[in-house]
Amino acid sequence: MNRILLIFSLLLTLNSFAQEQFLRMPQREFNPPKEVRNSPLYEKKIVVFGDSYVQNAGRPIEETWHYKLAVKYNMEYHNWGRNGNCLAYEWETELFGAPMYKRYTELPDIEVDYIIVIAGHNDAVLMDRYGEGTEFFRSKLDILCAGLRKKYPDAKICFVTPWAVPRPMYKETAQAMEEECGHYGIPVFNSVLHSGINVRFHGFRYMFFLNGDDFAHLNDKGHNLFLPRIEPFLLGL
């Protein structure tokens, strides 16, 4: 019996790799203020694609800044996050699934207005571990950018970099994302420079991350803190 339950659990886990994690549909009874109703984001369809910055590392997706953005503007919200996922590197043997440059092909074949890709944290970890530069990461990012442009030719696409983590390769990852996405005219929000998320300080992490030893995952307060930083960027796409 235990073996059957284990196999069933594994199948559910693997199956979840090919599905969106969360879907929010617009609410019919919604009476927003005029500035929300006149916003370019109002009642648009959005896909958020990425790693645990998207799936939220075991915490409710409703706590994330991108979900709260969708609620504010009454958006149709598709969450395609996967904890532990990389943009470029293969972590499939650790059940983190195919990297994003392959996984984007699983995204829904529907007309969407916005694609937000949040990625790079786990890639920076592996670039440092393997003693590599950004060349491999850039080559896979190029595939992802080209693929998203082809799959969603009418969507507004943007990328969001990892935080300014005080460890090797995070600044380099953000710079690579800005440069490679720039070749496709895809805007990038550089969280290393503009997020206001002070990862370096333990007291800040204790207050705004899941715990003081976490360098990646915001808590509910942290998502509330970051949303006003990135919202103007998204409104300007």
C-alpha atoms as a PDB file:
ATOM      1  CA  MET A   1       0.000   0.000   0.000  1.00  0.00           C
ATOM      2  CA  ASN A   2       2.778   2.447   0.908  1.00  0.00           C
ATOM      3  CA  ARG A   3       4.506   1.688  -2.390  1.00  0.00           C
ATOM      4  CA  ILE A   4       1.303   2.380  -4.321  1.00  0.00           C
ATOM      5  CA  LEU A   5       0.820   5.675  -2.499  1.00  0.00           C
ATOM      6  CA  LEU A   6       4.441   6.645  -3.206  1.00  0.00           C
ATOM      7  CA  ILE A   7       4.051   5.922  -6.921  1.00  0.00           C
ATOM      8  CA  PHE A   8       0.755   7.832  -7.027  1.00  0.00           C
ATOM      9  CA  SER A   9       2.345  10.802  -5.269  1.00  0.00           C
ATOM     10  CA  LEU A  10       5.276  10.774  -7.696  1.00  0.00           C
ATOM     11  CA  LEU A  11       2.924  10.678 -10.683  1.00  0.00           C
ATOM     12  CA  LEU A  12       1.012  13.654  -9.328  1.00  0.00           C
ATOM     13  CA  THR A  13       4.271  15.536  -8.841  1.00  0.00           C
ATOM     14  CA  LEU A  14       5.488  14.793 -12.347  1.00  0.00           C
ATOM     15  CA  ASN A  15       2.091  15.608 -13.826  1.00  0.00           C
ATOM     16  CA  SER A  16       2.084  18.975 -12.078  1.00  0.00           C
ATOM     17  CA  PHE A  17       5.217  19.856 -14.054  1.00  0.00           C
ATOM     18  CA  ALA A  18       3.097  20.056 -17.208  1.00  0.00           C
ATOM     19  CA  GLN A  19       0.295  22.146 -15.728  1.00  0.00           C
ATOM     20  CA  GLU A  20      -0.199  25.646 -14.479  1.00  0.00           C
ATOM     21  CA  GLN A  21      -0.115  25.979 -10.713  1.00  0.00           C
ATOM     22  CA  PHE A  22      -2.912  28.478 -10.311  1.00  0.00           C
ATOM     23  CA  LEU A  23      -5.641  30.142 -12.372  1.00  0.00           C
ATOM     24  CA  ARG A  24      -7.642  33.218 -11.414  1.00  0.00           C
ATOM     25  CA  MET A  25     -10.522  34.376 -13.584  1.00  0.00           C
ATOM     26  CA  PRO A  26     -11.747  37.991 -13.621  1.00  0.00           C
ATOM     27  CA  GLN A  27     -14.573  38.784 -11.220  1.00  0.00           C
ATOM     28  CA  ARG A  28     -17.881  39.880 -12.744  1.00  0.00           C
ATOM     29  CA  GLU A  29     -18.879  42.091  -9.834  1.00  0.00           C
ATOM     30  CA  PHE A  30     -15.916  44.424  -9.750  1.00  0.00           C
ATOM     31  CA  ASN A  31     -16.196  48.176  -9.280  1.00  0.00           C
ATOM     32  CA  PRO A  32     -12.676  49.626  -9.353  1.00  0.00           C
ATOM     33  CA  PRO A  33     -11.649  53.256  -9.041  1.00  0.00           C
ATOM     34  CA  LYS A  34     -11.317  55.219 -12.272  1.00  0.00           C
ATOM     35  CA  GLU A  35      -7.510  55.029 -12.394  1.00  0.00           C
ATOM     36  CA  VAL A  36      -7.655  51.217 -12.256  1.00  0.00           C
ATOM     37  CA  ARG A  37     -10.438  50.985 -14.830  1.00  0.00           C
ATOM     38  CA  ASN A  38      -8.455  53.206 -17.225  1.00  0.00           C
ATOM     39  CA  SER A  39      -5.201  51.315 -16.715  1.00  0.00           C
ATOM     40  CA  PRO A  40      -3.626  49.304 -19.578  1.00  0.00           C
ATOM     41  CA  LEU A  41      -3.562  46.324 -17.197  1.00  0.00           C
ATOM     42  CA  TYR A  42      -7.303  46.357 -16.475  1.00  0.00           C
ATOM     43  CA  GLU A  43      -8.963  42.978 -17.151  1.00  0.00           C
ATOM     44  CA  LYS A  44      -6.064  41.779 -19.253  1.00  0.00           C
ATOM     45  CA  LYS A  45      -4.836  38.191 -19.513  1.00  0.00           C
ATOM     46  CA  ILE A  46      -1.455  37.529 -17.893  1.00  0.00           C
ATOM     47  CA  VAL A  47       0.873  34.517 -17.719  1.00  0.00           C
ATOM     48  CA  VAL A  48       3.576  34.527 -15.025  1.00  0.00           C
ATOM     49  CA  PHE A  49       6.296  31.989 -15.827  1.00  0.00           C
ATOM     50  CA  GLY A  50       9.303  31.083 -13.721  1.00  0.00           C
ATOM     51  CA  ASP A  51      10.735  29.482 -10.609  1.00  0.00           C
ATOM     52  CA  SER A  52       9.866  29.680  -6.907  1.00  0.00           C
ATOM     53  CA  TYR A  53       9.626  33.470  -7.177  1.00  0.00           C
ATOM     54  CA  VAL A  54       6.432  32.537  -9.054  1.00  0.00           C
ATOM     55  CA  GLN A  55       5.199  29.337  -7.346  1.00  0.00           C
ATOM     56  CA  ASN A  56       6.114  30.913  -3.988  1.00  0.00           C
ATOM     57  CA  ALA A  57       8.124  28.163  -2.283  1.00  0.00           C
ATOM     58  CA  GLY A  58       5.292  26.426  -0.480  1.00  0.00           C
ATOM     59  CA  ARG A  59       3.432  29.558   0.555  1.00  0.00           C
ATOM     60  CA  PRO A  60       0.016  30.422  -0.950  1.00  0.00           C
ATOM     61  CA  ILE A  61       0.253  31.903  -4.420  1.00  0.00           C
ATOM     62  CA  GLU A  62      -2.292  34.487  -3.266  1.00  0.00           C
ATOM     63  CA  GLU A  63       0.521  36.105  -1.248  1.00  0.00           C
ATOM     64  CA  THR A  64       2.645  36.876  -4.311  1.00  0.00           C
ATOM     65  CA  TRP A  65       2.950  40.377  -5.733  1.00  0.00           C
ATOM     66  CA  HIS A  66       1.919  39.197  -9.201  1.00  0.00           C
ATOM     67  CA  TYR A  67      -1.289  37.621  -7.900  1.00  0.00           C
ATOM     68  CA  LYS A  68      -2.081  40.804  -5.961  1.00  0.00           C
ATOM     69  CA  LEU A  69      -1.471  42.787  -9.149  1.00  0.00           C
ATOM     70  CA  ALA A  70      -3.974  40.551 -10.932  1.00  0.00           C
ATOM     71  CA  VAL A  71      -6.560  41.103  -8.202  1.00  0.00           C
ATOM     72  CA  LYS A  72      -6.086  44.878  -8.274  1.00  0.00           C
ATOM     73  CA  TYR A  73      -6.631  45.043 -12.047  1.00  0.00           C
ATOM     74  CA  ASN A  74      -9.140  42.155 -12.233  1.00  0.00           C
ATOM     75  CA  MET A  75      -6.907  40.186 -14.579  1.00  0.00           C
ATOM     76  CA  GLU A  76      -7.120  36.622 -15.817  1.00  0.00           C
ATOM     77  CA  TYR A  77      -4.020  35.215 -14.122  1.00  0.00           C
ATOM     78  CA  HIS A  78      -2.114  32.077 -15.124  1.00  0.00           C
ATOM     79  CA  ASN A  79       0.693  30.978 -12.777  1.00  0.00           C
ATOM     80  CA  TRP A  80       3.302  28.688 -14.354  1.00  0.00           C
ATOM     81  CA  GLY A  81       5.852  28.694 -11.564  1.00  0.00           C
ATOM     82  CA  ARG A  82       7.944  25.724 -10.569  1.00  0.00           C
ATOM     83  CA  ASN A  83       9.958  25.668  -7.358  1.00  0.00           C
ATOM     84  CA  GLY A  84      13.649  25.017  -7.956  1.00  0.00           C
ATOM     85  CA  ASN A  85      13.400  25.518 -11.706  1.00  0.00           C
ATOM     86  CA  CYS A  86      16.214  26.971 -13.828  1.00  0.00           C
ATOM     87  CA  LEU A  87      16.050  28.958 -17.014  1.00  0.00           C
ATOM     88  CA  ALA A  88      19.005  27.192 -18.621  1.00  0.00           C
ATOM     89  CA  TYR A  89      20.264  24.315 -16.486  1.00  0.00           C
ATOM     90  CA  GLU A  90      18.910  20.773 -16.308  1.00  0.00           C
ATOM     91  CA  TRP A  91      17.703  19.869 -12.806  1.00  0.00           C
ATOM     92  CA  GLU A  92      15.228  17.238 -13.994  1.00  0.00           C
ATOM     93  CA  THR A  93      16.935  14.478 -11.989  1.00  0.00           C
ATOM     94  CA  GLU A  94      16.104  16.425  -8.804  1.00  0.00           C
ATOM     95  CA  LEU A  95      12.413  16.697  -9.811  1.00  0.00           C
ATOM     96  CA  PHE A  96      12.703  20.403 -10.589  1.00  0.00           C
ATOM     97  CA  GLY A  97      11.619  19.730 -14.136  1.00  0.00           C
ATOM     98  CA  ALA A  98      12.861  20.785 -17.537  1.00  0.00           C
ATOM     99  CA  PRO A  99      14.486  24.223 -17.723  1.00  0.00           C
ATOM    100  CA  MET A 100      12.412  27.152 -18.902  1.00  0.00           C
ATOM    101  CA  TYR A 101      13.996  27.326 -22.347  1.00  0.00           C
ATOM    102  CA  LYS A 102      12.313  23.949 -22.958  1.00  0.00           C
ATOM    103  CA  ARG A 103       9.304  24.302 -20.665  1.00  0.00           C
ATOM    104  CA  TYR A 104       7.923  27.409 -22.370  1.00  0.00           C
ATOM    105  CA  THR A 105       6.499  25.101 -25.059  1.00  0.00           C
ATOM    106  CA  GLU A 106       4.042  23.804 -22.400  1.00  0.00           C
ATOM    107  CA  LEU A 107       2.556  27.263 -21.846  1.00  0.00           C
ATOM    108  CA  PRO A 108      -1.071  27.565 -22.976  1.00  0.00           C
ATOM    109  CA  ASP A 109      -1.796  28.106 -26.651  1.00  0.00           C
ATOM    110  CA  ILE A 110      -4.100  31.027 -25.991  1.00  0.00           C
ATOM    111  CA  GLU A 111      -4.025  34.722 -26.752  1.00  0.00           C
ATOM    112  CA  VAL A 112      -2.494  36.556 -23.795  1.00  0.00           C
ATOM    113  CA  ASP A 113      -1.769  40.206 -23.170  1.00  0.00           C
ATOM    114  CA  TYR A 114       1.235  39.934 -20.846  1.00  0.00           C
ATOM    115  CA  ILE A 115       3.999  37.394 -20.250  1.00  0.00           C
ATOM    116  CA  ILE A 116       6.153  37.955 -17.156  1.00  0.00           C
ATOM    117  CA  VAL A 117       9.197  35.702 -16.852  1.00  0.00           C
ATOM    118  CA  ILE A 118      10.837  35.661 -13.407  1.00  0.00           C
ATOM    119  CA  ALA A 119      14.035  33.638 -13.501  1.00  0.00           C
ATOM    120  CA  GLY A 120      17.773  33.358 -12.952  1.00  0.00           C
ATOM    121  CA  HIS A 121      18.156  32.739  -9.213  1.00  0.00           C
ATOM    122  CA  ASN A 122      18.868  29.017  -9.487  1.00  0.00           C
ATOM    123  CA  ASP A 123      20.963  29.503 -12.620  1.00  0.00           C
ATOM    124  CA  ALA A 124      23.235  31.878 -10.692  1.00  0.00           C
ATOM    125  CA  VAL A 125      23.683  29.208  -8.014  1.00  0.00           C
ATOM    126  CA  LEU A 126      24.765  26.649 -10.611  1.00  0.00           C
ATOM    127  CA  MET A 127      27.013  29.025 -12.555  1.00  0.00           C
ATOM    128  CA  ASP A 128      28.891  29.652  -9.324  1.00  0.00           C
ATOM    129  CA  ARG A 129      28.930  25.950  -8.416  1.00  0.00           C
ATOM    130  CA  TYR A 130      30.276  24.925 -11.822  1.00  0.00           C
ATOM    131  CA  GLY A 131      32.718  27.823 -12.065  1.00  0.00           C
ATOM    132  CA  GLU A 132      31.149  28.991 -15.323  1.00  0.00           C
ATOM    133  CA  GLY A 133      30.534  32.370 -16.875  1.00  0.00           C
ATOM    134  CA  THR A 134      27.243  33.392 -18.423  1.00  0.00           C
ATOM    135  CA  GLU A 135      27.826  32.012 -21.942  1.00  0.00           C
ATOM    136  CA  PHE A 136      25.717  28.861 -21.527  1.00  0.00           C
ATOM    137  CA  PHE A 137      22.991  30.791 -19.701  1.00  0.00           C
ATOM    138  CA  ARG A 138      22.914  33.397 -22.478  1.00  0.00           C
ATOM    139  CA  SER A 139      22.592  30.744 -25.187  1.00  0.00           C
ATOM    140  CA  LYS A 140      19.501  29.219 -23.552  1.00  0.00           C
ATOM    141  CA  LEU A 141      18.025  32.614 -22.740  1.00  0.00           C
ATOM    142  CA  ASP A 142      18.294  33.406 -26.459  1.00  0.00           C
ATOM    143  CA  ILE A 143      16.248  30.293 -27.243  1.00  0.00           C
ATOM    144  CA  LEU A 144      13.613  31.270 -24.677  1.00  0.00           C
ATOM    145  CA  CYS A 145      13.296  34.845 -25.936  1.00  0.00           C
ATOM    146  CA  ALA A 146      12.983  33.743 -29.560  1.00  0.00           C
ATOM    147  CA  GLY A 147      10.469  31.046 -28.630  1.00  0.00           C
ATOM    148  CA  LEU A 148       8.255  33.363 -26.598  1.00  0.00           C
ATOM    149  CA  ARG A 149       8.273  35.988 -29.350  1.00  0.00           C
ATOM    150  CA  LYS A 150       7.143  33.354 -31.843  1.00  0.00           C
ATOM    151  CA  LYS A 151       4.561  31.737 -29.556  1.00  0.00           C
ATOM    152  CA  TYR A 152       3.054  35.033 -28.375  1.00  0.00           C
ATOM    153  CA  PRO A 153       3.692  37.566 -31.157  1.00  0.00           C
ATOM    154  CA  ASP A 154       1.125  40.073 -29.871  1.00  0.00           C
ATOM    155  CA  ALA A 155       1.854  39.816 -26.130  1.00  0.00           C
ATOM    156  CA  LYS A 156       3.831  42.283 -24.071  1.00  0.00           C
ATOM    157  CA  ILE A 157       6.738  40.220 -22.729  1.00  0.00           C
ATOM    158  CA  CYS A 158       9.109  41.178 -19.928  1.00  0.00           C
ATOM    159  CA  PHE A 159      11.653  39.534 -17.652  1.00  0.00           C
ATOM    160  CA  VAL A 160      12.375  40.104 -13.947  1.00  0.00           C
ATOM    161  CA  THR A 161      15.840  39.305 -12.591  1.00  0.00           C
ATOM    162  CA  PRO A 162      16.748  37.828  -9.195  1.00  0.00           C
ATOM    163  CA  TRP A 163      17.426  40.045  -6.189  1.00  0.00           C
ATOM    164  CA  ALA A 164      20.831  41.535  -5.370  1.00  0.00           C
ATOM    165  CA  VAL A 165      21.904  38.401  -3.519  1.00  0.00           C
ATOM    166  CA  PRO A 166      25.369  38.988  -1.979  1.00  0.00           C
ATOM    167  CA  ARG A 167      26.843  35.903  -3.612  1.00  0.00           C
ATOM    168  CA  PRO A 168      28.698  35.289  -6.894  1.00  0.00           C
ATOM    169  CA  MET A 169      26.988  35.500 -10.313  1.00  0.00           C
ATOM    170  CA  TYR A 170      23.801  37.364  -9.399  1.00  0.00           C
ATOM    171  CA  LYS A 171      24.892  40.704 -10.846  1.00  0.00           C
ATOM    172  CA  GLU A 172      26.272  38.901 -13.880  1.00  0.00           C
ATOM    173  CA  THR A 173      22.989  37.027 -14.338  1.00  0.00           C
ATOM    174  CA  ALA A 174      20.970  40.252 -14.253  1.00  0.00           C
ATOM    175  CA  GLN A 175      23.328  41.913 -16.719  1.00  0.00           C
ATOM    176  CA  ALA A 176      23.111  38.925 -19.079  1.00  0.00           C
ATOM    177  CA  MET A 177      19.320  39.050 -18.936  1.00  0.00           C
ATOM    178  CA  GLU A 178      19.258  42.748 -19.790  1.00  0.00           C
ATOM    179  CA  GLU A 179      21.646  42.319 -22.702  1.00  0.00           C
ATOM    180  CA  GLU A 180      20.168  39.162 -24.260  1.00  0.00           C
ATOM    181  CA  CYS A 181      16.542  40.208 -23.851  1.00  0.00           C
ATOM    182  CA  GLY A 182      17.499  43.570 -25.352  1.00  0.00           C
ATOM    183  CA  HIS A 183      18.323  41.812 -28.624  1.00  0.00           C
ATOM    184  CA  TYR A 184      14.619  40.965 -28.881  1.00  0.00           C
ATOM    185  CA  GLY A 185      13.303  44.275 -27.623  1.00  0.00           C
ATOM    186  CA  ILE A 186      12.115  42.622 -24.409  1.00  0.00           C
ATOM    187  CA  PRO A 187      12.202  44.921 -21.350  1.00  0.00           C
ATOM    188  CA  VAL A 188      13.858  43.677 -18.161  1.00  0.00           C
ATOM    189  CA  PHE A 189      13.200  44.806 -14.609  1.00  0.00           C
ATOM    190  CA  ASN A 190      16.611  44.612 -12.967  1.00  0.00           C
ATOM    191  CA  SER A 191      15.847  43.660  -9.371  1.00  0.00           C
ATOM    192  CA  VAL A 192      19.528  43.860  -8.477  1.00  0.00           C
ATOM    193  CA  LEU A 193      19.377  47.626  -9.006  1.00  0.00           C
ATOM    194  CA  HIS A 194      15.761  48.738  -8.629  1.00  0.00           C
ATOM    195  CA  SER A 195      13.804  46.360  -6.384  1.00  0.00           C
ATOM    196  CA  GLY A 196      14.421  47.949  -2.995  1.00  0.00           C
ATOM    197  CA  ILE A 197      14.848  44.412  -1.630  1.00  0.00           C
ATOM    198  CA  ASN A 198      17.869  44.559   0.688  1.00  0.00           C
ATOM    199  CA  VAL A 199      18.861  40.913   0.719  1.00  0.00           C
ATOM    200  CA  ARG A 200      22.235  41.690   2.264  1.00  0.00           C
ATOM    201  CA  PHE A 201      20.817  42.535   5.696  1.00  0.00           C
ATOM    202  CA  HIS A 202      19.671  39.762   8.021  1.00  0.00           C
ATOM    203  CA  GLY A 203      17.160  42.018   9.776  1.00  0.00           C
ATOM    204  CA  PHE A 204      15.536  42.858   6.447  1.00  0.00           C
ATOM    205  CA  ARG A 205      15.349  39.196   5.481  1.00  0.00           C
ATOM    206  CA  TYR A 206      13.896  38.309   8.881  1.00  0.00           C
ATOM    207  CA  MET A 207      11.120  40.858   8.326  1.00  0.00           C
ATOM    208  CA  PHE A 208      10.386  40.458   4.613  1.00  0.00           C
ATOM    209  CA  PHE A 209      11.568  36.946   3.622  1.00  0.00           C
ATOM    210  CA  LEU A 210      10.257  33.563   4.702  1.00  0.00           C
ATOM    211  CA  ASN A 211      12.993  33.514   7.363  1.00  0.00           C
ATOM    212  CA  GLY A 212      16.248  35.255   8.174  1.00  0.00           C
ATOM    213  CA  ASP A 213      18.307  32.618   6.350  1.00  0.00           C
ATOM    214  CA  ASP A 214      16.290  32.842   3.122  1.00  0.00           C
ATOM    215  CA  PHE A 215      17.894  34.784   0.260  1.00  0.00           C
ATOM    216  CA  ALA A 216      15.172  34.215  -2.358  1.00  0.00           C
ATOM    217  CA  HIS A 217      11.579  34.052  -1.145  1.00  0.00           C
ATOM    218  CA  LEU A 218       9.563  37.022   0.033  1.00  0.00           C
ATOM    219  CA  ASN A 219       6.861  36.630   2.643  1.00  0.00           C
ATOM    220  CA  ASP A 220       3.495  38.351   2.381  1.00  0.00           C
ATOM    221  CA  LYS A 221       4.912  41.653   3.676  1.00  0.00           C
ATOM    222  CA  GLY A 222       7.833  41.396   1.264  1.00  0.00           C
ATOM    223  CA  HIS A 223       5.519  40.958  -1.718  1.00  0.00           C
ATOM    224  CA  ASN A 224       3.538  44.001  -0.566  1.00  0.00           C
ATOM    225  CA  LEU A 225       6.797  45.954  -0.350  1.00  0.00           C
ATOM    226  CA  PHE A 226       7.931  45.008  -3.844  1.00  0.00           C
ATOM    227  CA  LEU A 227       4.659  45.484  -5.740  1.00  0.00           C
ATOM    228  CA  PRO A 228       4.784  49.327  -5.817  1.00  0.00           C
ATOM    229  CA  ARG A 229       8.339  49.088  -7.185  1.00  0.00           C
ATOM    230  CA  ILE A 230       7.500  46.964 -10.192  1.00  0.00           C
ATOM    231  CA  GLU A 231       3.959  48.132 -10.875  1.00  0.00           C
ATOM    232  CA  PRO A 232       5.015  51.329 -12.745  1.00  0.00           C
ATOM    233  CA  PHE A 233       7.365  49.242 -14.918  1.00  0.00           C
ATOM    234  CA  LEU A 234       4.507  46.932 -15.914  1.00  0.00           C
ATOM    235  CA  LEU A 235       2.140  49.834 -16.521  1.00  0.00           C
ATOM    236  CA  GLY A 236       4.696  51.285 -18.907  1.00  0.00           C
ATOM    237  CA  LEU A 237       5.165  48.209 -21.090  1.00  0.00           C
END
